Amino acid sequence: MTEHTFSEAEYDAVTDAAAHWCMRLHAIDCTAEERQAFEQWRDAHPLHAFEYEAMLEIWDVAGDLPRPESAAPPLHVPLPSKPSTSWRTFGISAAACALALPLAAYTGWNLGWLPNSYQHFESTDNVRQVTLSDGSQVELNLSSELTFSNYKDERRVTLKKGEAFFSVSHDMKHPFIVKAAEGRIRVTGTKFNVWLYEDQVRVNLIEGSVLVTSNDALNGDGLRLGPSMQARFRHGDFMPQISETYANDSSLAWRSGKLVLDDLPLSEALPLINRYLAKPVMVADKSTASIRLGGIYNIKEINNLVATLPRVLPVYLTRNENGNPVLNAIPRQTPKS
């Protein structure tokens, strides 16, 4: 059986259908019959499912855009010409359907509300190097995911999970913004690393300068980092915490496939470990959290590390009701008098 090759017209029809289903499934009045019809359409060919997932990515981008004034009339959405790669990088005809109709008041690219290029990247079991459409280079750690949108007045990355090392193309008039959890990093051209686990974020600057700010900050451009400086923030922090890194800082060891733990308490070591695990390791109490761990580990073998912890630390393993491994400190025996 030969595989069907789609013509340009057929491909456009699929992307238009994907845009239609994306809008209908997000509509309040979408019926059960429509949802069943969508499932039949999606399952009819792998391309249908692929294009629908691409529409969902565009819909997510649209969710971050500013809402227009309610009284504003529907406006034409002027978008740049033919896109390039990555499911056609940003399907213009599909974007017009998926964005212009449900978000008709947007004036598009010329006002900096819609990107002319959109890319999505993931890494699974290997470190991955990618090139963004602006020429910037990104190295993704294991189990990492990010998106890139190129707007008229800025370049925007959302780090959804994991860790990434950025080498950003210099452009003073076109700043590069990285959103990670509850904060953002603003640069024009530099090299830096961003680590994300749950709501914790760490930014390490290698070269150039960046401005780091929390979403909870009321005003200002944020705190400026210089080379060999680190910023940390998490949900609830008004401003990031800034510190200098040591000459032997190991935060970039993952680029060589290593995780280096420099005699850290488990409260600090476990987030670095857990970001590689499907089931995060927990600690039973504060006493266990204060036990220290050091060593150099292969990032592809972190699962094996968990099983060996009782051999190198005064702990034993149990599991909670969700199946997470739980470290428990072995009680110290009081010598008999």
C-alpha atoms as a PDB file:
ATOM      1  CA  MET A   1       0.000   0.000   0.000  1.00  0.00           C
ATOM      2  CA  THR A   2       1.521   3.307  -1.083  1.00  0.00           C
ATOM      3  CA  GLU A   3       1.408   6.346   1.148  1.00  0.00           C
ATOM      4  CA  HIS A   4      -0.760   9.220  -0.082  1.00  0.00           C
ATOM      5  CA  THR A   5       1.165  12.390  -0.928  1.00  0.00           C
ATOM      6  CA  PHE A   6      -0.766  15.565  -0.171  1.00  0.00           C
ATOM      7  CA  SER A   7      -0.910  18.333  -2.723  1.00  0.00           C
ATOM      8  CA  GLU A   8      -0.560  21.962  -1.639  1.00  0.00           C
ATOM      9  CA  ALA A   9      -4.337  22.441  -1.909  1.00  0.00           C
ATOM     10  CA  GLU A  10      -5.043  19.322   0.138  1.00  0.00           C
ATOM     11  CA  TYR A  11      -2.512  20.376   2.767  1.00  0.00           C
ATOM     12  CA  ASP A  12      -4.142  23.810   3.018  1.00  0.00           C
ATOM     13  CA  ALA A  13      -7.533  22.146   3.409  1.00  0.00           C
ATOM     14  CA  VAL A  14      -6.226  20.101   6.333  1.00  0.00           C
ATOM     15  CA  THR A  15      -4.747  23.154   8.068  1.00  0.00           C
ATOM     16  CA  ASP A  16      -8.008  25.060   7.562  1.00  0.00           C
ATOM     17  CA  ALA A  17      -9.956  22.140   9.036  1.00  0.00           C
ATOM     18  CA  ALA A  18      -7.552  21.988  11.985  1.00  0.00           C
ATOM     19  CA  ALA A  19      -8.117  25.699  12.607  1.00  0.00           C
ATOM     20  CA  HIS A  20     -11.883  25.191  12.455  1.00  0.00           C
ATOM     21  CA  TRP A  21     -11.796  22.331  14.970  1.00  0.00           C
ATOM     22  CA  CYS A  22      -9.494  24.258  17.283  1.00  0.00           C
ATOM     23  CA  MET A  23     -12.017  27.105  17.402  1.00  0.00           C
ATOM     24  CA  ARG A  24     -15.059  24.861  17.783  1.00  0.00           C
ATOM     25  CA  LEU A  25     -13.573  22.764  20.601  1.00  0.00           C
ATOM     26  CA  HIS A  26     -12.722  25.952  22.515  1.00  0.00           C
ATOM     27  CA  ALA A  27     -16.231  27.346  21.993  1.00  0.00           C
ATOM     28  CA  ILE A  28     -18.719  27.261  24.868  1.00  0.00           C
ATOM     29  CA  ASP A  29     -21.503  25.912  22.624  1.00  0.00           C
ATOM     30  CA  CYS A  30     -19.459  23.016  21.214  1.00  0.00           C
ATOM     31  CA  THR A  31     -21.705  19.922  21.236  1.00  0.00           C
ATOM     32  CA  ALA A  32     -20.946  16.291  22.005  1.00  0.00           C
ATOM     33  CA  GLU A  33     -21.741  15.440  18.375  1.00  0.00           C
ATOM     34  CA  GLU A  34     -19.150  17.950  17.183  1.00  0.00           C
ATOM     35  CA  ARG A  35     -16.531  16.507  19.520  1.00  0.00           C
ATOM     36  CA  GLN A  36     -17.247  13.032  18.178  1.00  0.00           C
ATOM     37  CA  ALA A  37     -16.982  14.308  14.607  1.00  0.00           C
ATOM     38  CA  PHE A  38     -13.662  15.960  15.468  1.00  0.00           C
ATOM     39  CA  GLU A  39     -12.277  12.702  16.860  1.00  0.00           C
ATOM     40  CA  GLN A  40     -13.259  10.873  13.680  1.00  0.00           C
ATOM     41  CA  TRP A  41     -11.571  13.567  11.566  1.00  0.00           C
ATOM     42  CA  ARG A  42      -8.421  13.596  13.737  1.00  0.00           C
ATOM     43  CA  ASP A  43      -8.063   9.801  13.632  1.00  0.00           C
ATOM     44  CA  ALA A  44      -8.622   9.579   9.870  1.00  0.00           C
ATOM     45  CA  HIS A  45      -4.980  10.454   9.035  1.00  0.00           C
ATOM     46  CA  PRO A  46      -1.788  11.201  11.038  1.00  0.00           C
ATOM     47  CA  LEU A  47      -1.503  14.581   9.288  1.00  0.00           C
ATOM     48  CA  HIS A  48      -4.848  15.630  10.772  1.00  0.00           C
ATOM     49  CA  ALA A  49      -3.599  15.010  14.317  1.00  0.00           C
ATOM     50  CA  PHE A  50      -0.286  16.709  13.539  1.00  0.00           C
ATOM     51  CA  GLU A  51      -1.929  19.870  12.186  1.00  0.00           C
ATOM     52  CA  TYR A  52      -4.389  20.025  15.087  1.00  0.00           C
ATOM     53  CA  GLU A  53      -1.543  19.872  17.629  1.00  0.00           C
ATOM     54  CA  ALA A  54       0.129  22.700  15.712  1.00  0.00           C
ATOM     55  CA  MET A  55      -3.090  24.719  15.972  1.00  0.00           C
ATOM     56  CA  LEU A  56      -3.095  24.210  19.745  1.00  0.00           C
ATOM     57  CA  GLU A  57       0.435  25.650  19.905  1.00  0.00           C
ATOM     58  CA  ILE A  58      -0.767  28.772  18.072  1.00  0.00           C
ATOM     59  CA  TRP A  59      -3.786  28.982  20.377  1.00  0.00           C
ATOM     60  CA  ASP A  60      -1.423  28.957  23.378  1.00  0.00           C
ATOM     61  CA  VAL A  61       0.511  31.851  21.853  1.00  0.00           C
ATOM     62  CA  ALA A  62      -2.730  33.741  21.327  1.00  0.00           C
ATOM     63  CA  GLY A  63      -3.599  33.266  24.992  1.00  0.00           C
ATOM     64  CA  ASP A  64      -0.594  35.391  25.948  1.00  0.00           C
ATOM     65  CA  LEU A  65      -1.580  38.282  23.677  1.00  0.00           C
ATOM     66  CA  PRO A  66      -3.208  41.437  25.081  1.00  0.00           C
ATOM     67  CA  ARG A  67      -6.989  41.571  24.804  1.00  0.00           C
ATOM     68  CA  PRO A  68      -8.380  44.357  22.593  1.00  0.00           C
ATOM     69  CA  GLU A  69     -10.868  46.968  23.774  1.00  0.00           C
ATOM     70  CA  SER A  70     -14.378  45.545  23.640  1.00  0.00           C
ATOM     71  CA  ALA A  71     -15.564  48.410  21.449  1.00  0.00           C
ATOM     72  CA  ALA A  72     -12.813  47.963  18.867  1.00  0.00           C
ATOM     73  CA  PRO A  73     -14.107  46.852  15.437  1.00  0.00           C
ATOM     74  CA  PRO A  74     -12.765  43.694  13.771  1.00  0.00           C
ATOM     75  CA  LEU A  75      -9.563  44.489  11.887  1.00  0.00           C
ATOM     76  CA  HIS A  76      -7.614  42.819   9.131  1.00  0.00           C
ATOM     77  CA  VAL A  77      -4.600  40.858  10.411  1.00  0.00           C
ATOM     78  CA  PRO A  78      -1.588  41.701   8.189  1.00  0.00           C
ATOM     79  CA  LEU A  79       0.925  38.883   8.410  1.00  0.00           C
ATOM     80  CA  PRO A  80       4.285  38.548   6.653  1.00  0.00           C
ATOM     81  CA  SER A  81       4.749  36.365   3.615  1.00  0.00           C
ATOM     82  CA  LYS A  82       5.413  32.646   3.278  1.00  0.00           C
ATOM     83  CA  PRO A  83       6.948  30.958   6.367  1.00  0.00           C
ATOM     84  CA  SER A  84       9.791  28.451   6.426  1.00  0.00           C
ATOM     85  CA  THR A  85      10.227  25.244   8.452  1.00  0.00           C
ATOM     86  CA  SER A  86       8.923  23.535  11.647  1.00  0.00           C
ATOM     87  CA  TRP A  87       5.421  22.461  10.416  1.00  0.00           C
ATOM     88  CA  ARG A  88       5.972  25.401   8.037  1.00  0.00           C
ATOM     89  CA  THR A  89       7.254  27.277  11.129  1.00  0.00           C
ATOM     90  CA  PHE A  90       4.041  29.341  11.383  1.00  0.00           C
ATOM     91  CA  GLY A  91       1.250  28.346   8.986  1.00  0.00           C
ATOM     92  CA  ILE A  92       0.066  31.738   7.762  1.00  0.00           C
ATOM     93  CA  SER A  93      -3.243  30.628   6.281  1.00  0.00           C
ATOM     94  CA  ALA A  94      -3.945  28.533   9.386  1.00  0.00           C
ATOM     95  CA  ALA A  95      -2.900  31.346  11.694  1.00  0.00           C
ATOM     96  CA  ALA A  96      -5.309  33.694   9.955  1.00  0.00           C
ATOM     97  CA  CYS A  97      -8.105  31.218  10.643  1.00  0.00           C
ATOM     98  CA  ALA A  98      -7.043  30.317  14.169  1.00  0.00           C
ATOM     99  CA  LEU A  99      -6.247  33.851  15.320  1.00  0.00           C
ATOM    100  CA  ALA A 100      -8.039  36.373  13.134  1.00  0.00           C
ATOM    101  CA  LEU A 101     -11.492  34.895  13.699  1.00  0.00           C
ATOM    102  CA  PRO A 102     -11.590  34.286  17.486  1.00  0.00           C
ATOM    103  CA  LEU A 103      -9.322  37.275  18.111  1.00  0.00           C
ATOM    104  CA  ALA A 104     -10.547  39.470  15.289  1.00  0.00           C
ATOM    105  CA  ALA A 105      -9.628  42.815  16.813  1.00  0.00           C
ATOM    106  CA  TYR A 106      -5.888  42.183  16.710  1.00  0.00           C
ATOM    107  CA  THR A 107      -4.022  44.350  14.269  1.00  0.00           C
ATOM    108  CA  GLY A 108      -1.293  41.748  13.873  1.00  0.00           C
ATOM    109  CA  TRP A 109       2.346  41.959  13.136  1.00  0.00           C
ATOM    110  CA  ASN A 110       2.523  45.686  12.452  1.00  0.00           C
ATOM    111  CA  LEU A 111       1.489  46.483  16.029  1.00  0.00           C
ATOM    112  CA  GLY A 112       3.652  43.732  17.509  1.00  0.00           C
ATOM    113  CA  TRP A 113       0.743  41.545  18.608  1.00  0.00           C
ATOM    114  CA  LEU A 114       1.323  38.521  16.340  1.00  0.00           C
ATOM    115  CA  PRO A 115       4.623  36.742  15.602  1.00  0.00           C
ATOM    116  CA  ASN A 116       5.791  36.062  12.076  1.00  0.00           C
ATOM    117  CA  SER A 117       7.703  32.969  13.185  1.00  0.00           C
ATOM    118  CA  TYR A 118       6.854  30.321  15.764  1.00  0.00           C
ATOM    119  CA  GLN A 119       8.913  27.268  16.744  1.00  0.00           C
ATOM    120  CA  HIS A 120       8.494  24.509  19.286  1.00  0.00           C
ATOM    121  CA  PHE A 121      11.355  22.292  20.495  1.00  0.00           C
ATOM    122  CA  GLU A 122      11.578  19.341  22.863  1.00  0.00           C
ATOM    123  CA  SER A 123      14.367  17.061  24.016  1.00  0.00           C
ATOM    124  CA  THR A 124      13.824  13.644  25.555  1.00  0.00           C
ATOM    125  CA  ASP A 125      16.720  11.289  26.277  1.00  0.00           C
ATOM    126  CA  ASN A 126      19.525  13.360  24.749  1.00  0.00           C
ATOM    127  CA  VAL A 127      20.886  16.878  24.929  1.00  0.00           C
ATOM    128  CA  ARG A 128      19.699  18.727  21.824  1.00  0.00           C
ATOM    129  CA  GLN A 129      21.101  21.754  19.989  1.00  0.00           C
ATOM    130  CA  VAL A 130      18.668  23.916  18.012  1.00  0.00           C
ATOM    131  CA  THR A 131      18.799  27.157  16.034  1.00  0.00           C
ATOM    132  CA  LEU A 132      16.024  29.717  16.455  1.00  0.00           C
ATOM    133  CA  SER A 133      14.719  31.619  13.452  1.00  0.00           C
ATOM    134  CA  ASP A 134      16.629  34.753  14.560  1.00  0.00           C
ATOM    135  CA  GLY A 135      19.923  32.838  14.441  1.00  0.00           C
ATOM    136  CA  SER A 136      20.265  32.349  18.212  1.00  0.00           C
ATOM    137  CA  GLN A 137      21.596  28.992  19.384  1.00  0.00           C
ATOM    138  CA  VAL A 138      19.965  26.981  22.182  1.00  0.00           C
ATOM    139  CA  GLU A 139      21.158  23.801  23.846  1.00  0.00           C
ATOM    140  CA  LEU A 140      18.389  21.818  25.574  1.00  0.00           C
ATOM    141  CA  ASN A 141      19.045  19.543  28.523  1.00  0.00           C
ATOM    142  CA  LEU A 142      17.254  16.205  28.834  1.00  0.00           C
ATOM    143  CA  SER A 143      13.441  16.369  29.174  1.00  0.00           C
ATOM    144  CA  SER A 144      13.255  20.051  28.264  1.00  0.00           C
ATOM    145  CA  GLU A 145      10.739  22.027  26.220  1.00  0.00           C
ATOM    146  CA  LEU A 146      10.519  25.573  24.912  1.00  0.00           C
ATOM    147  CA  THR A 147       8.756  27.695  22.316  1.00  0.00           C
ATOM    148  CA  PHE A 148      10.040  30.684  20.342  1.00  0.00           C
ATOM    149  CA  SER A 149       7.952  33.497  18.849  1.00  0.00           C
ATOM    150  CA  ASN A 150       9.448  36.311  16.782  1.00  0.00           C
ATOM    151  CA  TYR A 151       7.518  39.567  17.182  1.00  0.00           C
ATOM    152  CA  LYS A 152       8.143  42.902  15.486  1.00  0.00           C
ATOM    153  CA  ASP A 153       9.509  44.517  18.670  1.00  0.00           C
ATOM    154  CA  GLU A 154      10.895  41.533  20.595  1.00  0.00           C
ATOM    155  CA  ARG A 155      11.910  37.890  20.471  1.00  0.00           C
ATOM    156  CA  ARG A 156      10.059  35.758  23.016  1.00  0.00           C
ATOM    157  CA  VAL A 157      10.977  32.343  24.442  1.00  0.00           C
ATOM    158  CA  THR A 158       8.867  30.389  26.915  1.00  0.00           C
ATOM    159  CA  LEU A 159      10.790  27.690  28.773  1.00  0.00           C
ATOM    160  CA  LYS A 160       8.022  25.261  29.671  1.00  0.00           C
ATOM    161  CA  LYS A 161      10.188  22.745  31.496  1.00  0.00           C
ATOM    162  CA  GLY A 162      13.769  21.655  31.980  1.00  0.00           C
ATOM    163  CA  GLU A 163      16.928  23.601  31.255  1.00  0.00           C
ATOM    164  CA  ALA A 164      18.459  25.506  28.350  1.00  0.00           C
ATOM    165  CA  PHE A 165      21.717  27.272  27.510  1.00  0.00           C
ATOM    166  CA  PHE A 166      21.261  30.308  25.256  1.00  0.00           C
ATOM    167  CA  SER A 167      23.705  32.000  22.916  1.00  0.00           C
ATOM    168  CA  VAL A 168      21.630  34.948  21.747  1.00  0.00           C
ATOM    169  CA  SER A 169      22.202  36.903  18.537  1.00  0.00           C
ATOM    170  CA  HIS A 170      22.906  40.546  19.359  1.00  0.00           C
ATOM    171  CA  ASP A 171      20.128  42.991  18.424  1.00  0.00           C
ATOM    172  CA  MET A 172      19.680  46.128  20.542  1.00  0.00           C
ATOM    173  CA  LYS A 173      16.413  47.055  18.839  1.00  0.00           C
ATOM    174  CA  HIS A 174      14.953  43.556  19.103  1.00  0.00           C
ATOM    175  CA  PRO A 175      15.372  42.339  22.712  1.00  0.00           C
ATOM    176  CA  PHE A 176      15.252  38.662  23.602  1.00  0.00           C
ATOM    177  CA  ILE A 177      12.821  37.748  26.415  1.00  0.00           C
ATOM    178  CA  VAL A 178      12.822  34.390  28.218  1.00  0.00           C
ATOM    179  CA  LYS A 179       9.755  33.584  30.319  1.00  0.00           C
ATOM    180  CA  ALA A 180      10.311  30.887  32.946  1.00  0.00           C
ATOM    181  CA  ALA A 181       7.717  30.175  35.642  1.00  0.00           C
ATOM    182  CA  GLU A 182       7.117  33.374  37.633  1.00  0.00           C
ATOM    183  CA  GLY A 183       9.761  35.563  36.036  1.00  0.00           C
ATOM    184  CA  ARG A 184      11.471  36.717  32.884  1.00  0.00           C
ATOM    185  CA  ILE A 185      14.979  37.372  31.600  1.00  0.00           C
ATOM    186  CA  ARG A 186      15.595  40.237  29.166  1.00  0.00           C
ATOM    187  CA  VAL A 187      18.725  40.373  26.979  1.00  0.00           C
ATOM    188  CA  THR A 188      19.936  41.858  23.702  1.00  0.00           C
ATOM    189  CA  GLY A 189      22.839  39.471  23.052  1.00  0.00           C
ATOM    190  CA  THR A 190      24.619  37.229  25.529  1.00  0.00           C
ATOM    191  CA  LYS A 191      25.232  33.688  26.825  1.00  0.00           C
ATOM    192  CA  PHE A 192      23.314  32.388  29.818  1.00  0.00           C
ATOM    193  CA  ASN A 193      21.706  29.293  31.319  1.00  0.00           C
ATOM    194  CA  VAL A 194      18.139  28.929  32.630  1.00  0.00           C
ATOM    195  CA  TRP A 195      17.127  26.038  34.897  1.00  0.00           C
ATOM    196  CA  LEU A 196      13.452  25.416  35.706  1.00  0.00           C
ATOM    197  CA  TYR A 197      11.887  22.925  38.110  1.00  0.00           C
ATOM    198  CA  GLU A 198       8.272  23.389  39.188  1.00  0.00           C
ATOM    199  CA  ASP A 199       8.197  27.065  40.274  1.00  0.00           C
ATOM    200  CA  GLN A 200      11.941  27.335  40.951  1.00  0.00           C
ATOM    201  CA  VAL A 201      14.147  29.135  38.413  1.00  0.00           C
ATOM    202  CA  ARG A 202      17.893  29.765  38.323  1.00  0.00           C
ATOM    203  CA  VAL A 203      19.629  32.006  35.808  1.00  0.00           C
ATOM    204  CA  ASN A 204      23.412  31.812  35.380  1.00  0.00           C
ATOM    205  CA  LEU A 205      25.078  34.467  33.250  1.00  0.00           C
ATOM    206  CA  ILE A 206      28.218  33.485  31.356  1.00  0.00           C
ATOM    207  CA  GLU A 207      28.777  36.467  29.074  1.00  0.00           C
ATOM    208  CA  GLY A 208      27.210  39.903  28.534  1.00  0.00           C
ATOM    209  CA  SER A 209      24.404  41.112  30.809  1.00  0.00           C
ATOM    210  CA  VAL A 210      20.742  40.332  31.462  1.00  0.00           C
ATOM    211  CA  LEU A 211      17.860  41.873  33.400  1.00  0.00           C
ATOM    212  CA  VAL A 212      15.962  39.431  35.615  1.00  0.00           C
ATOM    213  CA  THR A 213      12.589  40.278  37.090  1.00  0.00           C
ATOM    214  CA  SER A 214       9.783  38.490  38.907  1.00  0.00           C
ATOM    215  CA  ASN A 215       6.168  38.633  37.788  1.00  0.00           C
ATOM    216  CA  ASP A 216       5.376  39.896  41.293  1.00  0.00           C
ATOM    217  CA  ALA A 217       7.574  42.995  40.879  1.00  0.00           C
ATOM    218  CA  LEU A 218       5.422  46.100  40.547  1.00  0.00           C
ATOM    219  CA  ASN A 219       7.680  48.173  38.308  1.00  0.00           C
ATOM    220  CA  GLY A 220      11.198  48.632  36.974  1.00  0.00           C
ATOM    221  CA  ASP A 221      13.270  46.624  34.526  1.00  0.00           C
ATOM    222  CA  GLY A 222      14.512  44.122  37.114  1.00  0.00           C
ATOM    223  CA  LEU A 223      17.942  43.322  38.505  1.00  0.00           C
ATOM    224  CA  ARG A 224      20.979  43.328  36.229  1.00  0.00           C
ATOM    225  CA  LEU A 225      23.320  40.339  36.230  1.00  0.00           C
ATOM    226  CA  GLY A 226      26.952  40.524  35.208  1.00  0.00           C
ATOM    227  CA  PRO A 227      29.153  37.584  34.189  1.00  0.00           C
ATOM    228  CA  SER A 228      29.568  34.876  36.860  1.00  0.00           C
ATOM    229  CA  MET A 229      26.394  35.950  38.637  1.00  0.00           C
ATOM    230  CA  GLN A 230      23.291  33.889  39.406  1.00  0.00           C
ATOM    231  CA  ALA A 231      19.667  34.855  40.028  1.00  0.00           C
ATOM    232  CA  ARG A 232      17.093  32.643  41.765  1.00  0.00           C
ATOM    233  CA  PHE A 233      13.367  33.156  42.041  1.00  0.00           C
ATOM    234  CA  ARG A 234      10.161  31.238  42.639  1.00  0.00           C
ATOM    235  CA  HIS A 235       6.478  31.958  43.067  1.00  0.00           C
ATOM    236  CA  GLY A 236       5.890  34.569  45.745  1.00  0.00           C
ATOM    237  CA  ASP A 237       9.309  36.220  45.449  1.00  0.00           C
ATOM    238  CA  PHE A 238       8.984  39.972  44.978  1.00  0.00           C
ATOM    239  CA  MET A 239      12.447  40.180  43.451  1.00  0.00           C
ATOM    240  CA  PRO A 240      15.028  37.535  42.433  1.00  0.00           C
ATOM    241  CA  GLN A 241      17.850  36.639  44.805  1.00  0.00           C
ATOM    242  CA  ILE A 242      21.238  37.542  43.316  1.00  0.00           C
ATOM    243  CA  SER A 243      24.571  35.889  44.139  1.00  0.00           C
ATOM    244  CA  GLU A 244      28.013  35.350  42.626  1.00  0.00           C
ATOM    245  CA  THR A 245      29.044  31.939  41.351  1.00  0.00           C
ATOM    246  CA  TYR A 246      32.332  30.313  42.244  1.00  0.00           C
ATOM    247  CA  ALA A 247      35.179  29.800  39.788  1.00  0.00           C
ATOM    248  CA  ASN A 248      34.463  26.050  39.834  1.00  0.00           C
ATOM    249  CA  ASP A 249      30.688  26.492  39.413  1.00  0.00           C
ATOM    250  CA  SER A 250      29.190  23.252  38.104  1.00  0.00           C
ATOM    251  CA  SER A 251      25.787  24.478  36.976  1.00  0.00           C
ATOM    252  CA  LEU A 252      26.693  23.874  33.317  1.00  0.00           C
ATOM    253  CA  ALA A 253      28.045  20.365  33.827  1.00  0.00           C
ATOM    254  CA  TRP A 254      24.895  18.981  32.189  1.00  0.00           C
ATOM    255  CA  ARG A 255      26.277  20.121  28.834  1.00  0.00           C
ATOM    256  CA  SER A 256      28.912  17.402  29.335  1.00  0.00           C
ATOM    257  CA  GLY A 257      26.304  14.910  30.523  1.00  0.00           C
ATOM    258  CA  LYS A 258      27.042  15.326  34.245  1.00  0.00           C
ATOM    259  CA  LEU A 259      25.186  16.388  37.368  1.00  0.00           C
ATOM    260  CA  VAL A 260      27.569  17.702  40.015  1.00  0.00           C
ATOM    261  CA  LEU A 261      26.343  17.921  43.616  1.00  0.00           C
ATOM    262  CA  ASP A 262      28.789  19.849  45.760  1.00  0.00           C
ATOM    263  CA  ASP A 263      27.977  18.667  49.302  1.00  0.00           C
ATOM    264  CA  LEU A 264      24.425  20.020  49.174  1.00  0.00           C
ATOM    265  CA  PRO A 265      21.643  19.405  51.690  1.00  0.00           C
ATOM    266  CA  LEU A 266      18.936  17.169  50.242  1.00  0.00           C
ATOM    267  CA  SER A 267      16.554  20.132  50.259  1.00  0.00           C
ATOM    268  CA  GLU A 268      18.761  21.691  47.533  1.00  0.00           C
ATOM    269  CA  ALA A 269      20.036  18.508  45.877  1.00  0.00           C
ATOM    270  CA  LEU A 270      16.668  16.859  45.258  1.00  0.00           C
ATOM    271  CA  PRO A 271      15.254  19.556  42.925  1.00  0.00           C
ATOM    272  CA  LEU A 272      18.388  19.117  40.784  1.00  0.00           C
ATOM    273  CA  ILE A 273      17.824  15.347  40.798  1.00  0.00           C
ATOM    274  CA  ASN A 274      14.047  15.361  40.484  1.00  0.00           C
ATOM    275  CA  ARG A 275      13.907  17.313  37.251  1.00  0.00           C
ATOM    276  CA  TYR A 276      15.260  14.168  35.548  1.00  0.00           C
ATOM    277  CA  LEU A 277      12.745  11.813  37.203  1.00  0.00           C
ATOM    278  CA  ALA A 278       9.181  10.865  36.342  1.00  0.00           C
ATOM    279  CA  LYS A 279       8.446  10.370  40.057  1.00  0.00           C
ATOM    280  CA  PRO A 280      10.136  13.043  42.211  1.00  0.00           C
ATOM    281  CA  VAL A 281      11.935  11.917  45.358  1.00  0.00           C
ATOM    282  CA  MET A 282      10.492  13.357  48.582  1.00  0.00           C
ATOM    283  CA  VAL A 283      11.914  13.738  52.090  1.00  0.00           C
ATOM    284  CA  ALA A 284      10.045  12.636  55.186  1.00  0.00           C
ATOM    285  CA  ASP A 285      10.954  15.609  57.386  1.00  0.00           C
ATOM    286  CA  LYS A 286      13.308  18.553  57.964  1.00  0.00           C
ATOM    287  CA  SER A 287      15.861  16.293  59.602  1.00  0.00           C
ATOM    288  CA  THR A 288      16.124  14.224  56.428  1.00  0.00           C
ATOM    289  CA  ALA A 289      16.198  17.362  54.259  1.00  0.00           C
ATOM    290  CA  SER A 290      19.328  18.579  56.075  1.00  0.00           C
ATOM    291  CA  ILE A 291      21.405  15.475  55.224  1.00  0.00           C
ATOM    292  CA  ARG A 292      24.104  16.407  52.709  1.00  0.00           C
ATOM    293  CA  LEU A 293      24.915  14.731  49.398  1.00  0.00           C
ATOM    294  CA  GLY A 294      27.854  15.137  47.025  1.00  0.00           C
ATOM    295  CA  GLY A 295      29.223  13.457  43.939  1.00  0.00           C
ATOM    296  CA  ILE A 296      29.292  13.495  40.132  1.00  0.00           C
ATOM    297  CA  TYR A 297      26.557  11.590  38.296  1.00  0.00           C
ATOM    298  CA  ASN A 298      25.613  10.761  34.695  1.00  0.00           C
ATOM    299  CA  ILE A 299      22.405  12.639  33.868  1.00  0.00           C
ATOM    300  CA  LYS A 300      21.162   9.634  31.871  1.00  0.00           C
ATOM    301  CA  GLU A 301      21.474   7.376  34.920  1.00  0.00           C
ATOM    302  CA  ILE A 302      19.765   9.484  37.593  1.00  0.00           C
ATOM    303  CA  ASN A 303      17.160   6.750  38.097  1.00  0.00           C
ATOM    304  CA  ASN A 304      19.948   4.475  39.341  1.00  0.00           C
ATOM    305  CA  LEU A 305      21.108   7.149  41.782  1.00  0.00           C
ATOM    306  CA  VAL A 306      17.857   7.021  43.754  1.00  0.00           C
ATOM    307  CA  ALA A 307      18.237   3.312  44.523  1.00  0.00           C
ATOM    308  CA  THR A 308      21.813   3.807  45.742  1.00  0.00           C
ATOM    309  CA  LEU A 309      21.106   6.659  48.168  1.00  0.00           C
ATOM    310  CA  PRO A 310      20.532   4.326  51.171  1.00  0.00           C
ATOM    311  CA  ARG A 311      24.026   2.913  50.558  1.00  0.00           C
ATOM    312  CA  VAL A 312      25.778   6.270  50.810  1.00  0.00           C
ATOM    313  CA  LEU A 313      23.510   8.192  53.213  1.00  0.00           C
ATOM    314  CA  PRO A 314      21.963   7.375  56.607  1.00  0.00           C
ATOM    315  CA  VAL A 315      18.499   7.006  55.050  1.00  0.00           C
ATOM    316  CA  TYR A 316      16.043   4.331  54.016  1.00  0.00           C
ATOM    317  CA  LEU A 317      13.457   4.416  51.201  1.00  0.00           C
ATOM    318  CA  THR A 318       9.680   4.113  51.424  1.00  0.00           C
ATOM    319  CA  ARG A 319       6.931   5.153  49.026  1.00  0.00           C
ATOM    320  CA  ASN A 320       3.969   7.441  49.584  1.00  0.00           C
ATOM    321  CA  GLU A 321       0.399   6.884  48.396  1.00  0.00           C
ATOM    322  CA  ASN A 322       1.262   8.416  45.001  1.00  0.00           C
ATOM    323  CA  GLY A 323       4.192   6.072  44.443  1.00  0.00           C
ATOM    324  CA  ASN A 324       6.904   8.683  45.038  1.00  0.00           C
ATOM    325  CA  PRO A 325      10.127   7.455  46.688  1.00  0.00           C
ATOM    326  CA  VAL A 326      10.459   8.986  50.157  1.00  0.00           C
ATOM    327  CA  LEU A 327      13.785   9.337  51.966  1.00  0.00           C
ATOM    328  CA  ASN A 328      13.644   8.802  55.714  1.00  0.00           C
ATOM    329  CA  ALA A 329      16.551   9.540  58.046  1.00  0.00           C
ATOM    330  CA  ILE A 330      17.714   6.544  60.091  1.00  0.00           C
ATOM    331  CA  PRO A 331      17.158   7.471  63.744  1.00  0.00           C
ATOM    332  CA  ARG A 332      20.338   7.865  65.737  1.00  0.00           C
ATOM    333  CA  GLN A 333      20.675   5.401  68.540  1.00  0.00           C
ATOM    334  CA  THR A 334      21.182   6.943  71.947  1.00  0.00           C
ATOM    335  CA  PRO A 335      24.044   5.175  73.744  1.00  0.00           C
ATOM    336  CA  LYS A 336      23.025   3.406  76.916  1.00  0.00           C
ATOM    337  CA  SER A 337      24.274   5.007  80.092  1.00  0.00           C
END
